[in-house]
Amino acid sequence: MRHDPIITARACPLCGAGADQAEPFLADSRDETRLSASSFASRKVPEYMSHAMVCCRACDLAYVDRPPSVESLAASYHAADYDSADEAEDAADAYARALAPVLEKLKGRGAALEIGTGTAAFLDRLEGAGFAELVGVEPSSAAIAAAPDHRRPWIREGIFEEANFAPDSFDLICCFMTLEHVQDPGALVASALRLLKPGGVFVGVTHDRRAWLNRLLGRRSPIVDVEHMQLFSAQSARRLLEHNGYEAVGGASFRNSYRPSYWLRLVPMPGALKHRLTRLLRGSWFDRWHLPLNVGNFMSWGFKPY
């Protein structure tokens, strides 16, 4: 799991501003002895480790200026553990609720693509919303293995590559909690624009680093993560789409709804205490409920011009 960073500092992956426009944001807090297959799993117990990050004064993006190589990141995600199937279903429900007003603006519901689909839980919701063709791309073998049998034909294992799809072929492309993880989010949304039909929409979900809870927690926020190559604000998430040719760009924060035992997983507290409390919660009557909370997740969208 060791990642050797790229020696030469990169420009801002959103706006291209150089090092003269960057200021320190997070110090390198990685401990290689604590890295494991679970370090690159979705919805894991937070480790509060990160690569060194800078913040771009031009566009408000915080990013790793000396990231690991694309190849080493791909290998880490391919080998990542997966143990969050229940939470994936809860997240898919939250995304579907937040996305409903955007889908009303779509003229067609032919093909949909999800980049970083996990167990394809959200593709199930899109099938229920009337989409005729469903495709998901997922690098984690463990996540695909955890998918129900009826979803697996929708999933293609690997890293998203534009060349694997025909231009102008999708009405909807989604990328939930993945834009932070790729080395070049601008290239990803630019590729998505070329794959969308005119009038089609790209929808992303990212953490909002400027949300009140993330600012309050600081380095103890779960968004401080060794997986994250960049951290967006609401402003930079919208600007990513505007900068890459989308129109009618919008965005909104929304609430996620999870069981109390999962919310507890994200709370910064000593690990032994968290483990004991989690064991008490799981299986209790209280843990059957779902608590809706706005914890700083932000949905952004943009349409391909006609």
C-alpha atoms as a PDB file:
ATOM      1  CA  MET A   1       0.000   0.000   0.000  1.00  0.00           C
ATOM      2  CA  ARG A   2       3.010   2.312  -0.020  1.00  0.00           C
ATOM      3  CA  HIS A   3       2.599   5.285  -2.367  1.00  0.00           C
ATOM      4  CA  ASP A   4       5.638   7.152  -3.600  1.00  0.00           C
ATOM      5  CA  PRO A   5       4.524  10.689  -4.487  1.00  0.00           C
ATOM      6  CA  ILE A   6       5.266  12.401  -7.763  1.00  0.00           C
ATOM      7  CA  ILE A   7       8.350  14.571  -7.255  1.00  0.00           C
ATOM      8  CA  THR A   8       7.337  17.574  -9.379  1.00  0.00           C
ATOM      9  CA  ALA A   9       4.487  19.644  -7.969  1.00  0.00           C
ATOM     10  CA  ARG A  10       1.432  19.686 -10.229  1.00  0.00           C
ATOM     11  CA  ALA A  11      -0.689  22.687 -11.121  1.00  0.00           C
ATOM     12  CA  CYS A  12      -4.201  23.023  -9.719  1.00  0.00           C
ATOM     13  CA  PRO A  13      -6.237  20.192 -11.305  1.00  0.00           C
ATOM     14  CA  LEU A  14      -9.276  22.457 -11.583  1.00  0.00           C
ATOM     15  CA  CYS A  15      -8.104  25.787 -12.982  1.00  0.00           C
ATOM     16  CA  GLY A  16      -4.438  25.123 -13.841  1.00  0.00           C
ATOM     17  CA  ALA A  17      -3.043  27.800 -11.524  1.00  0.00           C
ATOM     18  CA  GLY A  18       0.586  27.242 -10.555  1.00  0.00           C
ATOM     19  CA  ALA A  19       2.375  26.971  -7.246  1.00  0.00           C
ATOM     20  CA  ASP A  20       2.480  30.771  -6.908  1.00  0.00           C
ATOM     21  CA  GLN A  21      -1.305  30.683  -6.384  1.00  0.00           C
ATOM     22  CA  ALA A  22      -1.185  27.875  -3.788  1.00  0.00           C
ATOM     23  CA  GLU A  23      -0.944  28.133  -0.008  1.00  0.00           C
ATOM     24  CA  PRO A  24      -0.502  25.332   2.571  1.00  0.00           C
ATOM     25  CA  PHE A  25      -3.734  23.598   3.611  1.00  0.00           C
ATOM     26  CA  LEU A  26      -2.895  20.246   5.275  1.00  0.00           C
ATOM     27  CA  ALA A  27       0.431  18.826   6.397  1.00  0.00           C
ATOM     28  CA  ASP A  28       1.383  15.263   5.488  1.00  0.00           C
ATOM     29  CA  SER A  29       0.053  13.089   8.318  1.00  0.00           C
ATOM     30  CA  ARG A  30       0.405   9.627   6.772  1.00  0.00           C
ATOM     31  CA  ASP A  31       1.655   6.692   8.801  1.00  0.00           C
ATOM     32  CA  GLU A  32       2.617   3.923   6.370  1.00  0.00           C
ATOM     33  CA  THR A  33       2.401   1.309   9.150  1.00  0.00           C
ATOM     34  CA  ARG A  34      -1.343   1.993   9.498  1.00  0.00           C
ATOM     35  CA  LEU A  35      -2.179   1.647   5.803  1.00  0.00           C
ATOM     36  CA  SER A  36      -4.068  -1.501   4.811  1.00  0.00           C
ATOM     37  CA  ALA A  37      -6.659  -2.732   2.318  1.00  0.00           C
ATOM     38  CA  SER A  38      -9.342  -1.023   4.406  1.00  0.00           C
ATOM     39  CA  SER A  39      -7.592   2.346   3.935  1.00  0.00           C
ATOM     40  CA  PHE A  40      -9.027   2.500   0.416  1.00  0.00           C
ATOM     41  CA  ALA A  41     -12.454   1.070   1.213  1.00  0.00           C
ATOM     42  CA  SER A  42     -15.632   3.139   1.007  1.00  0.00           C
ATOM     43  CA  ARG A  43     -17.325   4.296   4.233  1.00  0.00           C
ATOM     44  CA  LYS A  44     -14.502   2.993   6.394  1.00  0.00           C
ATOM     45  CA  VAL A  45     -13.696   3.950   9.965  1.00  0.00           C
ATOM     46  CA  PRO A  46     -11.842   7.283   9.582  1.00  0.00           C
ATOM     47  CA  GLU A  47      -8.068   7.187   9.981  1.00  0.00           C
ATOM     48  CA  TYR A  48      -7.545  10.990   9.914  1.00  0.00           C
ATOM     49  CA  MET A  49      -4.465  10.689   7.718  1.00  0.00           C
ATOM     50  CA  SER A  50      -3.785  12.731   4.604  1.00  0.00           C
ATOM     51  CA  HIS A  51      -1.184  13.615   2.013  1.00  0.00           C
ATOM     52  CA  ALA A  52       0.138  17.170   2.164  1.00  0.00           C
ATOM     53  CA  MET A  53      -2.392  19.509   0.538  1.00  0.00           C
ATOM     54  CA  VAL A  54      -2.364  23.073  -0.715  1.00  0.00           C
ATOM     55  CA  CYS A  55      -5.284  25.390  -1.426  1.00  0.00           C
ATOM     56  CA  CYS A  56      -5.638  27.230  -4.723  1.00  0.00           C
ATOM     57  CA  ARG A  57      -6.407  30.904  -4.157  1.00  0.00           C
ATOM     58  CA  ALA A  58      -7.759  31.207  -7.701  1.00  0.00           C
ATOM     59  CA  CYS A  59     -10.556  28.597  -7.528  1.00  0.00           C
ATOM     60  CA  ASP A  60     -10.802  27.473  -3.870  1.00  0.00           C
ATOM     61  CA  LEU A  61      -9.802  23.848  -4.539  1.00  0.00           C
ATOM     62  CA  ALA A  62      -7.641  22.103  -1.928  1.00  0.00           C
ATOM     63  CA  TYR A  63      -5.467  19.465  -3.569  1.00  0.00           C
ATOM     64  CA  VAL A  64      -2.455  17.164  -3.155  1.00  0.00           C
ATOM     65  CA  ASP A  65       0.244  18.925  -5.151  1.00  0.00           C
ATOM     66  CA  ARG A  66       2.523  15.854  -5.206  1.00  0.00           C
ATOM     67  CA  PRO A  67       0.088  12.936  -5.589  1.00  0.00           C
ATOM     68  CA  PRO A  68       0.809   9.226  -6.039  1.00  0.00           C
ATOM     69  CA  SER A  69       0.828   7.887  -9.574  1.00  0.00           C
ATOM     70  CA  VAL A  70      -2.409   6.896 -11.289  1.00  0.00           C
ATOM     71  CA  GLU A  71      -1.146   3.310 -11.445  1.00  0.00           C
ATOM     72  CA  SER A  72      -0.487   3.016  -7.711  1.00  0.00           C
ATOM     73  CA  LEU A  73      -3.895   4.511  -6.875  1.00  0.00           C
ATOM     74  CA  ALA A  74      -5.624   2.098  -9.247  1.00  0.00           C
ATOM     75  CA  ALA A  75      -3.853  -0.849  -7.643  1.00  0.00           C
ATOM     76  CA  SER A  76      -4.925   0.272  -4.149  1.00  0.00           C
ATOM     77  CA  TYR A  77      -8.582   0.566  -5.094  1.00  0.00           C
ATOM     78  CA  HIS A  78      -8.541  -2.743  -6.918  1.00  0.00           C
ATOM     79  CA  ALA A  79      -7.341  -4.492  -3.747  1.00  0.00           C
ATOM     80  CA  ALA A  80      -9.529  -2.514  -1.318  1.00  0.00           C
ATOM     81  CA  ASP A  81     -11.781  -4.217   1.229  1.00  0.00           C
ATOM     82  CA  TYR A  82     -15.547  -3.722   1.161  1.00  0.00           C
ATOM     83  CA  ASP A  83     -17.914  -4.018   4.126  1.00  0.00           C
ATOM     84  CA  SER A  84     -20.492  -1.256   3.650  1.00  0.00           C
ATOM     85  CA  ALA A  85     -23.245  -2.829   1.529  1.00  0.00           C
ATOM     86  CA  ASP A  86     -26.016  -1.680   3.906  1.00  0.00           C
ATOM     87  CA  GLU A  87     -24.717   1.899   3.964  1.00  0.00           C
ATOM     88  CA  ALA A  88     -24.431   1.847   0.162  1.00  0.00           C
ATOM     89  CA  GLU A  89     -28.174   1.209  -0.036  1.00  0.00           C
ATOM     90  CA  ASP A  90     -28.848   4.108   2.362  1.00  0.00           C
ATOM     91  CA  ALA A  91     -26.560   6.399   0.366  1.00  0.00           C
ATOM     92  CA  ALA A  92     -28.292   5.439  -2.897  1.00  0.00           C
ATOM     93  CA  ASP A  93     -31.645   6.429  -1.407  1.00  0.00           C
ATOM     94  CA  ALA A  94     -30.245   9.810  -0.353  1.00  0.00           C
ATOM     95  CA  TYR A  95     -28.732  10.429  -3.787  1.00  0.00           C
ATOM     96  CA  ALA A  96     -31.999   9.484  -5.491  1.00  0.00           C
ATOM     97  CA  ARG A  97     -33.971  11.949  -3.375  1.00  0.00           C
ATOM     98  CA  ALA A  98     -31.484  14.768  -3.995  1.00  0.00           C
ATOM     99  CA  LEU A  99     -31.295  14.033  -7.733  1.00  0.00           C
ATOM    100  CA  ALA A 100     -35.051  13.851  -8.397  1.00  0.00           C
ATOM    101  CA  PRO A 101     -35.491  17.580  -9.261  1.00  0.00           C
ATOM    102  CA  VAL A 102     -32.572  17.403 -11.721  1.00  0.00           C
ATOM    103  CA  LEU A 103     -33.961  14.327 -13.463  1.00  0.00           C
ATOM    104  CA  GLU A 104     -37.204  16.191 -14.095  1.00  0.00           C
ATOM    105  CA  LYS A 105     -35.254  18.466 -16.461  1.00  0.00           C
ATOM    106  CA  LEU A 106     -33.959  15.578 -18.570  1.00  0.00           C
ATOM    107  CA  LYS A 107     -35.638  15.041 -21.927  1.00  0.00           C
ATOM    108  CA  GLY A 108     -34.540  11.397 -22.246  1.00  0.00           C
ATOM    109  CA  ARG A 109     -33.958   8.438 -19.946  1.00  0.00           C
ATOM    110  CA  GLY A 110     -32.094   6.096 -22.244  1.00  0.00           C
ATOM    111  CA  ALA A 111     -28.620   5.206 -20.955  1.00  0.00           C
ATOM    112  CA  ALA A 112     -27.021   6.072 -17.611  1.00  0.00           C
ATOM    113  CA  LEU A 113     -23.420   5.610 -16.472  1.00  0.00           C
ATOM    114  CA  GLU A 114     -22.160   5.640 -12.889  1.00  0.00           C
ATOM    115  CA  ILE A 115     -18.419   6.095 -12.326  1.00  0.00           C
ATOM    116  CA  GLY A 116     -17.425   4.393  -9.074  1.00  0.00           C
ATOM    117  CA  THR A 117     -20.616   2.357  -8.802  1.00  0.00           C
ATOM    118  CA  GLY A 118     -19.670   0.087  -5.874  1.00  0.00           C
ATOM    119  CA  THR A 119     -22.401  -2.541  -5.622  1.00  0.00           C
ATOM    120  CA  ALA A 120     -24.492  -0.653  -8.218  1.00  0.00           C
ATOM    121  CA  ALA A 121     -27.094   0.272  -5.593  1.00  0.00           C
ATOM    122  CA  PHE A 122     -27.769   3.611  -7.278  1.00  0.00           C
ATOM    123  CA  LEU A 123     -28.187   1.961 -10.678  1.00  0.00           C
ATOM    124  CA  ASP A 124     -31.056   0.018  -9.126  1.00  0.00           C
ATOM    125  CA  ARG A 125     -32.706   3.348  -8.273  1.00  0.00           C
ATOM    126  CA  LEU A 126     -32.149   4.577 -11.818  1.00  0.00           C
ATOM    127  CA  GLU A 127     -33.829   1.474 -13.195  1.00  0.00           C
ATOM    128  CA  GLY A 128     -36.814   2.309 -11.012  1.00  0.00           C
ATOM    129  CA  ALA A 129     -36.709   5.872 -12.388  1.00  0.00           C
ATOM    130  CA  GLY A 130     -37.156   4.565 -15.924  1.00  0.00           C
ATOM    131  CA  PHE A 131     -33.640   4.408 -17.410  1.00  0.00           C
ATOM    132  CA  ALA A 132     -33.437   1.768 -20.126  1.00  0.00           C
ATOM    133  CA  GLU A 133     -29.692   1.012 -20.111  1.00  0.00           C
ATOM    134  CA  LEU A 134     -27.469   0.949 -17.020  1.00  0.00           C
ATOM    135  CA  VAL A 135     -23.665   0.837 -16.867  1.00  0.00           C
ATOM    136  CA  GLY A 136     -21.402   1.111 -13.831  1.00  0.00           C
ATOM    137  CA  VAL A 137     -17.601   1.238 -13.604  1.00  0.00           C
ATOM    138  CA  GLU A 138     -15.957   0.009 -10.390  1.00  0.00           C
ATOM    139  CA  PRO A 139     -12.269  -0.741  -9.593  1.00  0.00           C
ATOM    140  CA  SER A 140     -12.845  -2.742  -6.388  1.00  0.00           C
ATOM    141  CA  SER A 141     -13.203  -6.496  -6.891  1.00  0.00           C
ATOM    142  CA  ALA A 142     -14.580  -6.852  -3.355  1.00  0.00           C
ATOM    143  CA  ALA A 143     -17.339  -4.308  -3.986  1.00  0.00           C
ATOM    144  CA  ILE A 144     -18.402  -6.094  -7.168  1.00  0.00           C
ATOM    145  CA  ALA A 145     -18.413  -9.430  -5.360  1.00  0.00           C
ATOM    146  CA  ALA A 146     -20.769  -7.918  -2.757  1.00  0.00           C
ATOM    147  CA  ALA A 147     -23.260  -6.790  -5.421  1.00  0.00           C
ATOM    148  CA  PRO A 148     -26.517  -8.764  -5.778  1.00  0.00           C
ATOM    149  CA  ASP A 149     -26.564 -11.124  -8.735  1.00  0.00           C
ATOM    150  CA  HIS A 150     -29.069  -9.086 -10.752  1.00  0.00           C
ATOM    151  CA  ARG A 151     -26.782  -6.017 -10.688  1.00  0.00           C
ATOM    152  CA  ARG A 152     -23.507  -7.617 -11.719  1.00  0.00           C
ATOM    153  CA  PRO A 153     -24.238  -7.543 -15.480  1.00  0.00           C
ATOM    154  CA  TRP A 154     -24.370  -3.739 -15.215  1.00  0.00           C
ATOM    155  CA  ILE A 155     -20.866  -3.467 -13.691  1.00  0.00           C
ATOM    156  CA  ARG A 156     -17.565  -3.245 -15.567  1.00  0.00           C
ATOM    157  CA  GLU A 157     -14.515  -3.823 -13.393  1.00  0.00           C
ATOM    158  CA  GLY A 158     -11.699  -1.298 -13.755  1.00  0.00           C
ATOM    159  CA  ILE A 159     -10.899   2.399 -13.822  1.00  0.00           C
ATOM    160  CA  PHE A 160     -13.111   4.692 -15.904  1.00  0.00           C
ATOM    161  CA  GLU A 161     -11.671   5.329 -19.369  1.00  0.00           C
ATOM    162  CA  GLU A 162     -13.467   7.449 -21.941  1.00  0.00           C
ATOM    163  CA  ALA A 163     -12.282   5.262 -24.838  1.00  0.00           C
ATOM    164  CA  ASN A 164     -14.449   2.371 -23.579  1.00  0.00           C
ATOM    165  CA  PHE A 165     -17.650   4.249 -24.456  1.00  0.00           C
ATOM    166  CA  ALA A 166     -19.133   5.896 -27.526  1.00  0.00           C
ATOM    167  CA  PRO A 167     -19.437   9.710 -27.688  1.00  0.00           C
ATOM    168  CA  ASP A 168     -22.904  11.245 -27.243  1.00  0.00           C
ATOM    169  CA  SER A 169     -24.323   8.027 -25.783  1.00  0.00           C
ATOM    170  CA  PHE A 170     -25.535   8.780 -22.237  1.00  0.00           C
ATOM    171  CA  ASP A 171     -28.419  10.860 -20.911  1.00  0.00           C
ATOM    172  CA  LEU A 172     -26.989  10.804 -17.377  1.00  0.00           C
ATOM    173  CA  ILE A 173     -23.496  10.315 -15.951  1.00  0.00           C
ATOM    174  CA  CYS A 174     -23.069  10.144 -12.160  1.00  0.00           C
ATOM    175  CA  CYS A 175     -19.945  10.256 -10.038  1.00  0.00           C
ATOM    176  CA  PHE A 176     -20.668  10.072  -6.311  1.00  0.00           C
ATOM    177  CA  MET A 177     -17.878  10.535  -3.763  1.00  0.00           C
ATOM    178  CA  THR A 178     -15.287   9.722  -6.425  1.00  0.00           C
ATOM    179  CA  LEU A 179     -14.107  13.090  -7.773  1.00  0.00           C
ATOM    180  CA  GLU A 180     -11.980  13.549  -4.649  1.00  0.00           C
ATOM    181  CA  HIS A 181     -10.196  10.257  -5.334  1.00  0.00           C
ATOM    182  CA  VAL A 182      -9.040  10.654  -8.935  1.00  0.00           C
ATOM    183  CA  GLN A 183      -5.838  12.445  -9.846  1.00  0.00           C
ATOM    184  CA  ASP A 184      -7.432  14.637 -12.539  1.00  0.00           C
ATOM    185  CA  PRO A 185     -11.083  15.498 -11.838  1.00  0.00           C
ATOM    186  CA  GLY A 186     -11.077  18.024 -14.698  1.00  0.00           C
ATOM    187  CA  ALA A 187     -10.183  15.321 -17.199  1.00  0.00           C
ATOM    188  CA  LEU A 188     -12.955  13.091 -15.826  1.00  0.00           C
ATOM    189  CA  VAL A 189     -15.739  15.660 -16.180  1.00  0.00           C
ATOM    190  CA  ALA A 190     -14.407  16.717 -19.607  1.00  0.00           C
ATOM    191  CA  SER A 191     -14.589  13.071 -20.724  1.00  0.00           C
ATOM    192  CA  ALA A 192     -18.109  12.819 -19.321  1.00  0.00           C
ATOM    193  CA  LEU A 193     -19.161  15.860 -21.344  1.00  0.00           C
ATOM    194  CA  ARG A 194     -18.064  14.174 -24.563  1.00  0.00           C
ATOM    195  CA  LEU A 195     -19.923  10.983 -23.643  1.00  0.00           C
ATOM    196  CA  LEU A 196     -23.179  12.763 -22.827  1.00  0.00           C
ATOM    197  CA  LYS A 197     -25.876  13.332 -25.401  1.00  0.00           C
ATOM    198  CA  PRO A 198     -26.680  17.009 -26.020  1.00  0.00           C
ATOM    199  CA  GLY A 199     -28.968  18.019 -23.170  1.00  0.00           C
ATOM    200  CA  GLY A 200     -27.645  15.206 -20.965  1.00  0.00           C
ATOM    201  CA  VAL A 201     -26.527  15.880 -17.412  1.00  0.00           C
ATOM    202  CA  PHE A 202     -23.479  15.098 -15.279  1.00  0.00           C
ATOM    203  CA  VAL A 203     -24.092  14.832 -11.529  1.00  0.00           C
ATOM    204  CA  GLY A 204     -21.370  14.675  -8.896  1.00  0.00           C
ATOM    205  CA  VAL A 205     -21.430  14.375  -5.124  1.00  0.00           C
ATOM    206  CA  THR A 206     -18.446  15.619  -3.133  1.00  0.00           C
ATOM    207  CA  HIS A 207     -17.649  16.666   0.395  1.00  0.00           C
ATOM    208  CA  ASP A 208     -17.933  20.409   1.009  1.00  0.00           C
ATOM    209  CA  ARG A 209     -14.802  21.242   2.983  1.00  0.00           C
ATOM    210  CA  ARG A 210     -16.323  24.619   3.921  1.00  0.00           C
ATOM    211  CA  ALA A 211     -19.483  23.095   5.432  1.00  0.00           C
ATOM    212  CA  TRP A 212     -19.846  24.054   9.078  1.00  0.00           C
ATOM    213  CA  LEU A 213     -19.241  20.548  10.453  1.00  0.00           C
ATOM    214  CA  ASN A 214     -16.016  20.022   8.505  1.00  0.00           C
ATOM    215  CA  ARG A 215     -14.725  23.421   9.575  1.00  0.00           C
ATOM    216  CA  LEU A 216     -15.641  22.660  13.179  1.00  0.00           C
ATOM    217  CA  LEU A 217     -13.872  19.278  13.226  1.00  0.00           C
ATOM    218  CA  GLY A 218     -10.787  20.426  11.313  1.00  0.00           C
ATOM    219  CA  ARG A 219      -8.225  17.625  11.092  1.00  0.00           C
ATOM    220  CA  ARG A 220     -10.642  15.327  12.953  1.00  0.00           C
ATOM    221  CA  SER A 221     -13.155  15.496  10.120  1.00  0.00           C
ATOM    222  CA  PRO A 222     -13.648  12.214   8.198  1.00  0.00           C
ATOM    223  CA  ILE A 223     -12.880  14.100   4.969  1.00  0.00           C
ATOM    224  CA  VAL A 224      -9.215  14.246   6.064  1.00  0.00           C
ATOM    225  CA  ASP A 225      -8.354  11.004   4.321  1.00  0.00           C
ATOM    226  CA  VAL A 226      -5.351   9.434   2.621  1.00  0.00           C
ATOM    227  CA  GLU A 227      -7.632   8.544  -0.316  1.00  0.00           C
ATOM    228  CA  HIS A 228      -8.450  12.156  -1.142  1.00  0.00           C
ATOM    229  CA  MET A 229      -6.387  13.801  -3.858  1.00  0.00           C
ATOM    230  CA  GLN A 230      -8.482  16.977  -3.633  1.00  0.00           C
ATOM    231  CA  LEU A 231     -11.207  18.472  -1.468  1.00  0.00           C
ATOM    232  CA  PHE A 232     -13.933  20.659  -2.945  1.00  0.00           C
ATOM    233  CA  SER A 233     -16.025  23.460  -1.574  1.00  0.00           C
ATOM    234  CA  ALA A 234     -19.500  24.204  -2.964  1.00  0.00           C
ATOM    235  CA  GLN A 235     -17.880  26.978  -5.003  1.00  0.00           C
ATOM    236  CA  SER A 236     -15.119  24.811  -6.513  1.00  0.00           C
ATOM    237  CA  ALA A 237     -17.487  21.878  -7.206  1.00  0.00           C
ATOM    238  CA  ARG A 238     -19.668  24.109  -9.390  1.00  0.00           C
ATOM    239  CA  ARG A 239     -16.662  25.792 -10.940  1.00  0.00           C
ATOM    240  CA  LEU A 240     -15.252  22.393 -11.983  1.00  0.00           C
ATOM    241  CA  LEU A 241     -18.254  21.926 -14.273  1.00  0.00           C
ATOM    242  CA  GLU A 242     -18.364  25.517 -15.531  1.00  0.00           C
ATOM    243  CA  HIS A 243     -14.647  25.407 -16.339  1.00  0.00           C
ATOM    244  CA  ASN A 244     -15.146  22.284 -18.459  1.00  0.00           C
ATOM    245  CA  GLY A 245     -17.989  23.450 -20.682  1.00  0.00           C
ATOM    246  CA  TYR A 246     -21.201  22.582 -18.856  1.00  0.00           C
ATOM    247  CA  GLU A 247     -24.175  24.936 -18.768  1.00  0.00           C
ATOM    248  CA  ALA A 248     -27.069  25.439 -16.333  1.00  0.00           C
ATOM    249  CA  VAL A 249     -24.665  24.429 -13.569  1.00  0.00           C
ATOM    250  CA  GLY A 250     -26.223  24.131 -10.140  1.00  0.00           C
ATOM    251  CA  GLY A 251     -25.695  22.575  -6.757  1.00  0.00           C
ATOM    252  CA  ALA A 252     -27.239  21.925  -3.363  1.00  0.00           C
ATOM    253  CA  SER A 253     -26.355  20.345  -0.051  1.00  0.00           C
ATOM    254  CA  PHE A 254     -28.501  17.451   1.115  1.00  0.00           C
ATOM    255  CA  ARG A 255     -29.086  15.103   4.022  1.00  0.00           C
ATOM    256  CA  ASN A 256     -27.851  11.543   4.310  1.00  0.00           C
ATOM    257  CA  SER A 257     -29.813   9.049   6.378  1.00  0.00           C
ATOM    258  CA  TYR A 258     -27.930   6.259   8.159  1.00  0.00           C
ATOM    259  CA  ARG A 259     -28.334   4.058  11.206  1.00  0.00           C
ATOM    260  CA  PRO A 260     -26.879   5.443  14.476  1.00  0.00           C
ATOM    261  CA  SER A 261     -24.140   2.754  14.462  1.00  0.00           C
ATOM    262  CA  TYR A 262     -22.810   4.092  11.159  1.00  0.00           C
ATOM    263  CA  TRP A 263     -22.912   7.739  12.271  1.00  0.00           C
ATOM    264  CA  LEU A 264     -20.977   6.635  15.363  1.00  0.00           C
ATOM    265  CA  ARG A 265     -18.287   5.183  13.076  1.00  0.00           C
ATOM    266  CA  LEU A 266     -17.541   8.721  11.859  1.00  0.00           C
ATOM    267  CA  VAL A 267     -17.320  10.374  15.290  1.00  0.00           C
ATOM    268  CA  PRO A 268     -13.771  11.255  16.413  1.00  0.00           C
ATOM    269  CA  MET A 269     -13.222   9.346  19.652  1.00  0.00           C
ATOM    270  CA  PRO A 270     -10.815   6.700  20.984  1.00  0.00           C
ATOM    271  CA  GLY A 271     -11.047   3.542  18.912  1.00  0.00           C
ATOM    272  CA  ALA A 272     -11.635   1.140  21.813  1.00  0.00           C
ATOM    273  CA  LEU A 273     -14.528   3.227  23.132  1.00  0.00           C
ATOM    274  CA  LYS A 274     -16.018   3.548  19.640  1.00  0.00           C
ATOM    275  CA  HIS A 275     -15.801  -0.227  19.163  1.00  0.00           C
ATOM    276  CA  ARG A 276     -17.603  -0.936  22.456  1.00  0.00           C
ATOM    277  CA  LEU A 277     -20.367   1.577  21.773  1.00  0.00           C
ATOM    278  CA  THR A 278     -20.830   0.267  18.235  1.00  0.00           C
ATOM    279  CA  ARG A 279     -21.254  -3.297  19.512  1.00  0.00           C
ATOM    280  CA  LEU A 280     -23.891  -2.077  21.976  1.00  0.00           C
ATOM    281  CA  LEU A 281     -25.772  -0.198  19.277  1.00  0.00           C
ATOM    282  CA  ARG A 282     -25.813  -2.875  16.590  1.00  0.00           C
ATOM    283  CA  GLY A 283     -28.843  -5.096  16.901  1.00  0.00           C
ATOM    284  CA  SER A 284     -30.572  -2.746  19.352  1.00  0.00           C
ATOM    285  CA  TRP A 285     -34.040  -1.325  18.692  1.00  0.00           C
ATOM    286  CA  PHE A 286     -32.517   2.137  18.400  1.00  0.00           C
ATOM    287  CA  ASP A 287     -30.248   1.065  15.535  1.00  0.00           C
ATOM    288  CA  ARG A 288     -33.279   0.087  13.447  1.00  0.00           C
ATOM    289  CA  TRP A 289     -33.994   3.779  12.923  1.00  0.00           C
ATOM    290  CA  HIS A 290     -32.326   5.997  10.337  1.00  0.00           C
ATOM    291  CA  LEU A 291     -31.213   9.485  11.325  1.00  0.00           C
ATOM    292  CA  PRO A 292     -31.197  12.112   8.545  1.00  0.00           C
ATOM    293  CA  LEU A 293     -28.331  14.584   8.937  1.00  0.00           C
ATOM    294  CA  ASN A 294     -26.643  17.182   6.745  1.00  0.00           C
ATOM    295  CA  VAL A 295     -22.954  16.489   7.276  1.00  0.00           C
ATOM    296  CA  GLY A 296     -21.588  18.602   4.449  1.00  0.00           C
ATOM    297  CA  ASN A 297     -22.204  16.513   1.328  1.00  0.00           C
ATOM    298  CA  PHE A 298     -22.815  18.563  -1.801  1.00  0.00           C
ATOM    299  CA  MET A 299     -24.445  17.585  -5.100  1.00  0.00           C
ATOM    300  CA  SER A 300     -23.443  19.534  -8.226  1.00  0.00           C
ATOM    301  CA  TRP A 301     -24.770  19.156 -11.763  1.00  0.00           C
ATOM    302  CA  GLY A 302     -24.343  20.561 -15.222  1.00  0.00           C
ATOM    303  CA  PHE A 303     -25.890  19.975 -18.647  1.00  0.00           C
ATOM    304  CA  LYS A 304     -24.226  19.405 -21.989  1.00  0.00           C
ATOM    305  CA  PRO A 305     -25.102  22.250 -24.374  1.00  0.00           C
ATOM    306  CA  TYR A 306     -27.166  21.451 -27.449  1.00  0.00           C
END
